[in-house]
Every structure is written in C-alpha cells, then in structure tokens.
Amino acid sequence: MSRELSVTDAAALIAPRDTVACGFVSGQPQGILEALGARTDLEDVELSTGLLAAPYAFLQHPKIRIRSGFFGPIERMSRAAGRRIDFIPGDFHGLERLALRLKPRVVLAVTSPPDADGWLSFGTHAGATYRPFVEAAGDPGRLAIAEVNLRMPRVDGLPELGRNRIHVSEVDAWTTHEAPLVELPDEAASEDELAIASHVMDLIEPGATLQFGIGAVPDEVATRLAAGPLGDFGVHTEMISDGVMSLHRAGKVTNRKGLYDGVSTATFALGSGALYAWLDGNPDVRMLPVSALC
C-alpha cells in the first residue's frame, strides 16, 4: 500500500547496499537524491541515471557509484575530478532494455501531484525508465518511489501504453518536493551550427516526419521550419523542445505519419518554462516510453 513520506524518509528506503535507477534531467527526483547524498550510513549504492540536472551532493559521496547513460557537462566535470562515475555505452532504447534486465531494487520517478482520481503523471519524462518503474511497482521485492513536483505538467500517453501515468495506490511510497523544472538556456547558435542547419533544411521535404534531439542545430532547424513555407509535418521524436512548440503554433504539424497519427509523440521534453506550460494537458502531444518509438 502506498505511503506518503517526507523526502528524508523516502530516501531512507534505499538500503546501505542497494541498486537504484532514475531518469534523465526532469526524471531525476532532486529532493530524494540530495537526501541520499547526505546520508552517512551508505556502504555501496549504485545509481543508474544520465544527463545530470545539477551538481548533486551524491557525486562527492565515496559510497555512491554513478552509471550514466548520457554524459552531459556535469558528468564530464565529475569524471575529470575523479568522482565515481562511469559511462554506459548504448542507445536510448538499450538503456531501457538494460534496466528491465538488471532490475534495480529501487526505481525513482518524478511525477505531477495525484489528480482527483489518484493518477500521477510522469509529465515530461517517459524515456527509458517508465517501464522499469511500473515493473518495480508490481514487484513485491522491489520499490517504486515517486517524488511529486507541483510544477510537473500533466502529459498524456496512449491507452495501450499506460497513458504515461501510474495510480498513487500502486507506488510503494511517494513524497513531495517542489523544484523548478530544468530549463535550457536560450543561446545563439554558432556559425558552424547555422551552416549545418542550412544544409539540413535542404534535405527536408513537405510532409516529412521529424525527429529532434538536444542541441542548437535541431532547435535552429525547427525554428526555420516554423517560419518557412513547408508544412504538413509529423513529429515522432526523442525530445520535444521549444522548436517543436513553435512548429505546432505555426500550424505546420498535422501528424499524418502512419504511426500514432494525430499526435506528436516523444520520450521526454526539455526546454523553457513556456514549453512546460504549453505541454500541460496538451491534447496534441503524447509522451511514450522509448521502446514504443523505436
């Protein structure tokens, strides 16, 4: 039966010797992770995650080993400083398969508050940890712990894929920690990035189905497409960014894709506060686990 706990008590459910997994960026429960890093009783905790959102205190904890599926700036700096952090080589889909095979004892997630019927939305992050979290929730020998963030938007999924949500009664424990969602800085593209975007634009045809990743180049391409003459696009993507929002607002997305028609599909979202507000309850967007998009 689900228990509502303080952040400290939720982190205390992780044993001194344990295996833990959580998602990328907005899928990282900042309160629980900071509380874990403050513990003095740990002996050997392995934490699998990626694209760290902050320089968490646990990075300096001698008893915590980090396995990252995506080496971002914080991972690279931590590695250079001699911290216990290793890279997991593989694609995004492979990270989900690995989590399902290794079955970490504790899986963490960030969710919206429960709605009137008790449903917690995974919001901006389904990624490679949605299915491992749901699987852990159904296993009496494992723990699924949700950290409710009042700022997390509700983003629907598809009925046949769980609707990007879980009922509060199904999780082992949940806590509340309000924190700003990570926002990408609005930085101008370099001359090289602009040149690459120009080349990419020459390859895109009307009615194309588009996939976007992280970085200045895909954002620049999306911005140019939103302002350009082409349209009738489908969005079937790893990431939803502000550029995807711009395409929708410009009326350039019709999603006649042949798969998941009528909605833009993605595994996670990362961008501005305006993007997160646009995503909240948006009927044109569905967040799916990464394996459903491969």
Protein backbone atom coordinates (compact mmCIF):
# COMPACT_ATOMS: atom_id res chain seq x y z
CA MET A 1 0.00 0.00 0.00
CA SER A 2 1.33 3.45 -0.92
CA ARG A 3 2.79 5.61 1.85
CA GLU A 4 3.28 9.37 1.81
CA LEU A 5 6.64 10.14 3.41
CA SER A 6 8.97 13.06 3.97
CA VAL A 7 11.80 13.40 1.46
CA THR A 8 14.29 12.18 4.08
CA ASP A 9 12.19 9.14 4.96
CA ALA A 10 11.68 8.32 1.28
CA ALA A 11 15.45 8.39 0.72
CA ALA A 12 15.89 6.20 3.81
CA LEU A 13 14.08 3.37 1.99
CA ILE A 14 17.26 2.94 -0.05
CA ALA A 15 19.39 0.36 1.74
CA PRO A 16 23.08 0.99 2.62
CA ARG A 17 23.91 -1.53 -0.12
CA ASP A 18 21.48 -1.10 -3.00
CA THR A 19 20.85 -0.59 -6.70
CA VAL A 20 18.86 2.47 -7.75
CA ALA A 21 17.70 3.90 -11.09
CA CYS A 22 16.03 7.11 -12.19
CA GLY A 23 15.53 9.03 -15.42
CA PHE A 24 17.33 11.84 -17.21
CA VAL A 25 17.10 15.54 -16.27
CA SER A 26 13.44 16.17 -15.33
CA GLY A 27 13.13 12.49 -14.42
CA GLN A 28 15.59 12.95 -11.55
CA PRO A 29 13.94 13.40 -8.12
CA GLN A 30 16.11 16.21 -6.80
CA GLY A 31 14.86 16.06 -3.22
CA ILE A 32 15.41 12.32 -2.78
CA LEU A 33 18.79 12.43 -4.50
CA GLU A 34 20.03 15.26 -2.29
CA ALA A 35 18.80 13.41 0.80
CA LEU A 36 20.59 10.28 -0.39
CA GLY A 37 23.82 12.22 -0.82
CA ALA A 38 23.58 13.48 2.78
CA ARG A 39 23.43 10.00 4.31
CA THR A 40 26.38 8.75 6.34
CA ASP A 41 25.36 5.08 6.62
CA LEU A 42 25.83 4.07 2.96
CA GLU A 43 28.18 1.23 2.09
CA ASP A 44 27.79 0.67 -1.65
CA VAL A 45 24.95 2.22 -3.66
CA GLU A 46 24.90 2.00 -7.45
CA LEU A 47 22.82 4.73 -9.09
CA SER A 48 21.94 4.45 -12.79
CA THR A 49 20.82 7.68 -14.45
CA GLY A 50 22.05 10.14 -17.10
CA LEU A 51 22.33 13.78 -18.17
CA LEU A 52 22.52 15.02 -14.59
CA ALA A 53 20.43 18.12 -13.99
CA ALA A 54 22.53 19.52 -11.13
CA PRO A 55 25.88 19.01 -9.35
CA TYR A 56 24.22 16.85 -6.71
CA ALA A 57 25.98 16.22 -3.41
CA PHE A 58 25.91 12.47 -4.08
CA LEU A 59 28.60 12.99 -6.74
CA GLN A 60 31.07 13.54 -3.91
CA HIS A 61 29.83 10.65 -1.77
CA PRO A 62 32.53 7.95 -1.62
CA LYS A 63 29.98 5.15 -1.26
CA ILE A 64 27.82 6.02 -4.28
CA ARG A 65 28.77 4.81 -7.77
CA ILE A 66 27.07 6.51 -10.71
CA ARG A 67 26.38 4.78 -14.02
CA SER A 68 25.38 7.35 -16.63
CA GLY A 69 23.72 6.59 -19.94
CA PHE A 70 24.32 10.13 -21.20
CA PHE A 71 27.45 12.09 -20.31
CA GLY A 72 26.43 15.73 -20.07
CA PRO A 73 28.51 18.65 -18.75
CA ILE A 74 28.13 17.69 -15.09
CA GLU A 75 29.13 14.08 -15.75
CA ARG A 76 32.20 15.18 -17.68
CA MET A 77 33.30 17.58 -14.96
CA SER A 78 32.70 14.95 -12.28
CA ARG A 79 34.70 12.35 -14.19
CA ALA A 80 37.57 14.80 -14.66
CA ALA A 81 37.52 15.48 -10.91
CA GLY A 82 37.96 11.76 -10.18
CA ARG A 83 34.43 11.03 -8.98
CA ARG A 84 32.97 7.50 -9.12
CA ILE A 85 31.10 7.85 -12.38
CA ASP A 86 31.10 5.57 -15.42
CA PHE A 87 29.53 5.78 -18.85
CA ILE A 88 27.07 3.11 -20.02
CA PRO A 89 27.58 2.79 -23.80
CA GLY A 90 24.42 2.16 -25.76
CA ASP A 91 21.45 3.80 -27.38
CA PHE A 92 18.40 5.16 -25.55
CA HIS A 93 16.34 2.04 -26.27
CA GLY A 94 19.20 -0.11 -24.99
CA LEU A 95 19.13 1.68 -21.66
CA GLU A 96 15.51 0.64 -21.18
CA ARG A 97 16.33 -2.97 -22.06
CA LEU A 98 19.25 -2.89 -19.62
CA ALA A 99 17.07 -1.58 -16.78
CA LEU A 100 14.44 -4.24 -17.45
CA ARG A 101 17.13 -6.93 -17.41
CA LEU A 102 19.12 -5.75 -14.38
CA LYS A 103 16.01 -4.93 -12.31
CA PRO A 104 17.42 -2.32 -9.88
CA ARG A 105 15.82 -2.81 -6.48
CA VAL A 106 14.70 0.82 -6.25
CA VAL A 107 13.36 2.87 -9.16
CA LEU A 108 12.67 6.58 -8.65
CA ALA A 109 10.49 8.92 -10.69
CA VAL A 110 9.24 12.50 -10.69
CA THR A 111 5.50 12.97 -11.16
CA SER A 112 2.74 15.51 -11.06
CA PRO A 113 0.54 15.62 -7.96
CA PRO A 114 -2.22 12.99 -7.94
CA ASP A 115 -5.34 14.14 -9.79
CA ALA A 116 -8.88 13.82 -8.43
CA ASP A 117 -8.83 10.11 -9.24
CA GLY A 118 -5.36 9.47 -7.78
CA TRP A 119 -3.34 9.33 -11.01
CA LEU A 120 0.27 10.53 -11.01
CA SER A 121 1.51 11.74 -14.41
CA PHE A 122 5.16 11.22 -15.34
CA GLY A 123 4.83 14.52 -17.18
CA THR A 124 7.85 15.47 -19.25
CA HIS A 125 9.70 12.19 -18.90
CA ALA A 126 8.76 8.68 -20.00
CA GLY A 127 12.12 7.81 -21.56
CA ALA A 128 13.89 4.60 -20.59
CA THR A 129 12.58 4.42 -17.01
CA TYR A 130 8.79 4.42 -17.40
CA ARG A 131 8.52 0.67 -17.91
CA PRO A 132 11.17 -0.19 -15.27
CA PHE A 133 9.28 1.99 -12.75
CA VAL A 134 5.93 0.34 -13.47
CA GLU A 135 7.56 -3.09 -13.32
CA ALA A 136 9.16 -2.31 -9.95
CA ALA A 137 5.80 -1.09 -8.65
CA GLY A 138 4.31 -4.51 -9.38
CA ASP A 139 7.18 -6.48 -7.80
CA PRO A 140 6.89 -7.08 -4.01
CA GLY A 141 10.67 -7.50 -3.79
CA ARG A 142 11.40 -4.04 -5.23
CA LEU A 143 10.45 -0.43 -4.59
CA ALA A 144 8.93 2.24 -6.84
CA ILE A 145 9.17 5.67 -5.18
CA ALA A 146 7.59 8.79 -6.68
CA GLU A 147 8.66 12.35 -5.94
CA VAL A 148 5.73 14.68 -6.61
CA ASN A 149 6.74 18.04 -8.03
CA LEU A 150 3.92 20.59 -8.05
CA ARG A 151 5.44 22.16 -11.18
CA MET A 152 5.40 19.00 -13.27
CA PRO A 153 2.89 19.32 -16.14
CA ARG A 154 0.48 16.51 -16.94
CA VAL A 155 1.30 14.99 -20.31
CA ASP A 156 -0.87 12.14 -21.54
CA GLY A 157 0.31 8.93 -23.18
CA LEU A 158 -1.61 6.33 -25.15
CA PRO A 159 -4.12 3.94 -23.53
CA GLU A 160 -2.34 0.84 -24.82
CA LEU A 161 0.95 2.11 -23.35
CA GLY A 162 -0.24 3.12 -19.90
CA ARG A 163 -1.05 6.79 -20.59
CA ASN A 164 2.25 7.99 -19.08
CA ARG A 165 0.87 7.66 -15.56
CA ILE A 166 0.55 5.40 -12.53
CA HIS A 167 -2.03 5.33 -9.76
CA VAL A 168 -0.84 6.56 -6.38
CA SER A 169 -2.05 3.29 -4.82
CA GLU A 170 0.42 1.34 -6.98
CA VAL A 171 3.63 3.03 -5.85
CA ASP A 172 5.38 1.85 -2.70
CA ALA A 173 5.91 5.38 -1.39
CA TRP A 174 5.68 8.97 -2.51
CA THR A 175 6.93 12.28 -1.28
CA THR A 176 6.61 15.93 -2.29
CA HIS A 177 9.48 18.20 -3.28
CA GLU A 178 8.80 21.33 -5.29
CA ALA A 179 11.66 22.42 -7.53
CA PRO A 180 11.90 24.39 -10.77
CA LEU A 181 11.98 22.17 -13.84
CA VAL A 182 15.32 22.30 -15.61
CA GLU A 183 15.28 24.86 -18.41
CA LEU A 184 17.65 25.02 -21.35
CA PRO A 185 19.46 28.35 -21.73
CA ASP A 186 18.47 30.43 -24.74
CA GLU A 187 21.82 30.63 -26.51
CA ALA A 188 22.51 31.79 -30.05
CA ALA A 189 23.73 29.14 -32.49
CA SER A 190 27.34 29.37 -33.67
CA GLU A 191 28.29 29.99 -37.29
CA ASP A 192 29.09 26.30 -37.73
CA GLU A 193 25.73 25.27 -36.23
CA LEU A 194 23.90 27.70 -38.50
CA ALA A 195 25.72 26.27 -41.51
CA ILE A 196 24.75 22.71 -40.55
CA ALA A 197 21.14 23.78 -40.06
CA SER A 198 21.14 25.36 -43.53
CA HIS A 199 22.34 22.09 -45.03
CA VAL A 200 19.69 20.10 -43.14
CA MET A 201 16.95 22.43 -44.38
CA ASP A 202 17.79 21.48 -47.96
CA LEU A 203 17.05 17.82 -47.16
CA ILE A 204 13.58 18.24 -45.61
CA GLU A 205 10.50 17.78 -47.78
CA PRO A 206 6.86 18.78 -47.16
CA GLY A 207 5.04 16.14 -45.13
CA ALA A 208 8.24 14.78 -43.58
CA THR A 209 8.16 13.06 -40.19
CA LEU A 210 10.64 14.81 -37.92
CA GLN A 211 12.82 13.64 -35.03
CA PHE A 212 14.65 16.13 -32.82
CA GLY A 213 17.46 15.72 -30.30
CA ILE A 214 19.26 18.06 -27.94
CA GLY A 215 21.25 20.99 -29.23
CA ALA A 216 21.38 24.21 -31.19
CA VAL A 217 21.17 22.55 -34.60
CA PRO A 218 17.78 20.80 -34.17
CA ASP A 219 16.37 23.90 -32.45
CA GLU A 220 17.52 26.08 -35.33
CA VAL A 221 16.05 23.69 -37.89
CA ALA A 222 12.69 23.65 -36.08
CA THR A 223 12.65 27.44 -35.83
CA ARG A 224 13.37 27.81 -39.56
CA LEU A 225 10.71 25.27 -40.47
CA ALA A 226 8.16 27.12 -38.34
CA ALA A 227 8.89 30.33 -40.23
CA GLY A 228 9.29 28.74 -43.68
CA PRO A 229 6.92 27.65 -46.45
CA LEU A 230 6.95 23.89 -45.81
CA GLY A 231 4.40 22.11 -43.63
CA ASP A 232 2.19 19.06 -43.10
CA PHE A 233 4.87 17.64 -40.78
CA GLY A 234 4.68 14.71 -38.41
CA VAL A 235 6.58 14.67 -35.10
CA HIS A 236 7.89 11.29 -33.88
CA THR A 237 10.83 12.28 -31.74
CA GLU A 238 13.17 11.55 -28.88
CA MET A 239 12.76 15.04 -27.44
CA ILE A 240 10.20 17.83 -27.54
CA SER A 241 11.84 21.24 -27.43
CA ASP A 242 10.72 24.82 -27.87
CA GLY A 243 11.26 24.33 -31.60
CA VAL A 244 8.55 21.66 -31.70
CA MET A 245 6.22 24.02 -29.85
CA SER A 246 6.98 26.68 -32.49
CA LEU A 247 6.11 24.24 -35.29
CA HIS A 248 2.76 23.48 -33.67
CA ARG A 249 1.94 27.12 -33.07
CA ALA A 250 2.79 27.93 -36.70
CA GLY A 251 0.26 25.32 -37.87
CA LYS A 252 2.97 23.22 -39.53
CA VAL A 253 2.18 19.91 -37.75
CA THR A 254 -0.61 17.63 -38.99
CA ASN A 255 0.86 14.29 -37.83
CA ARG A 256 -0.20 12.17 -40.78
CA LYS A 257 2.61 9.73 -40.05
CA GLY A 258 1.16 6.25 -40.43
CA LEU A 259 2.01 5.51 -36.80
CA TYR A 260 0.44 7.32 -33.83
CA ASP A 261 -1.41 9.57 -36.27
CA GLY A 262 -2.92 12.80 -34.99
CA VAL A 263 -0.48 13.44 -32.13
CA SER A 264 3.16 14.38 -31.70
CA THR A 265 4.98 11.62 -29.83
CA ALA A 266 8.16 11.89 -27.76
CA THR A 267 10.02 10.27 -24.87
CA PHE A 268 10.89 13.44 -22.93
CA ALA A 269 10.71 17.22 -23.09
CA LEU A 270 13.39 19.76 -22.27
CA GLY A 271 13.25 23.49 -22.89
CA SER A 272 11.78 26.66 -21.43
CA GLY A 273 9.12 27.36 -18.85
CA ALA A 274 6.84 28.36 -21.72
CA LEU A 275 7.29 24.90 -23.23
CA TYR A 276 6.28 23.17 -19.99
CA ALA A 277 3.18 25.37 -19.69
CA TRP A 278 2.28 24.55 -23.32
CA LEU A 279 2.64 20.82 -22.66
CA ASP A 280 0.36 20.76 -19.61
CA GLY A 281 -2.79 18.92 -20.67
CA ASN A 282 -1.97 19.44 -24.36
CA PRO A 283 -4.15 17.04 -26.41
CA ASP A 284 -1.76 17.21 -29.38
CA VAL A 285 1.18 15.62 -27.54
CA ARG A 286 1.75 12.14 -26.15
CA MET A 287 4.72 11.03 -24.05
CA LEU A 288 5.72 7.39 -24.67
CA PRO A 289 8.41 5.01 -23.40
CA VAL A 290 11.40 4.95 -25.72
CA SER A 291 10.76 1.39 -26.95
CA ALA A 292 7.37 2.48 -28.33
CA LEU A 293 9.11 4.97 -30.63
CA CYS A 294 11.84 2.71 -31.99
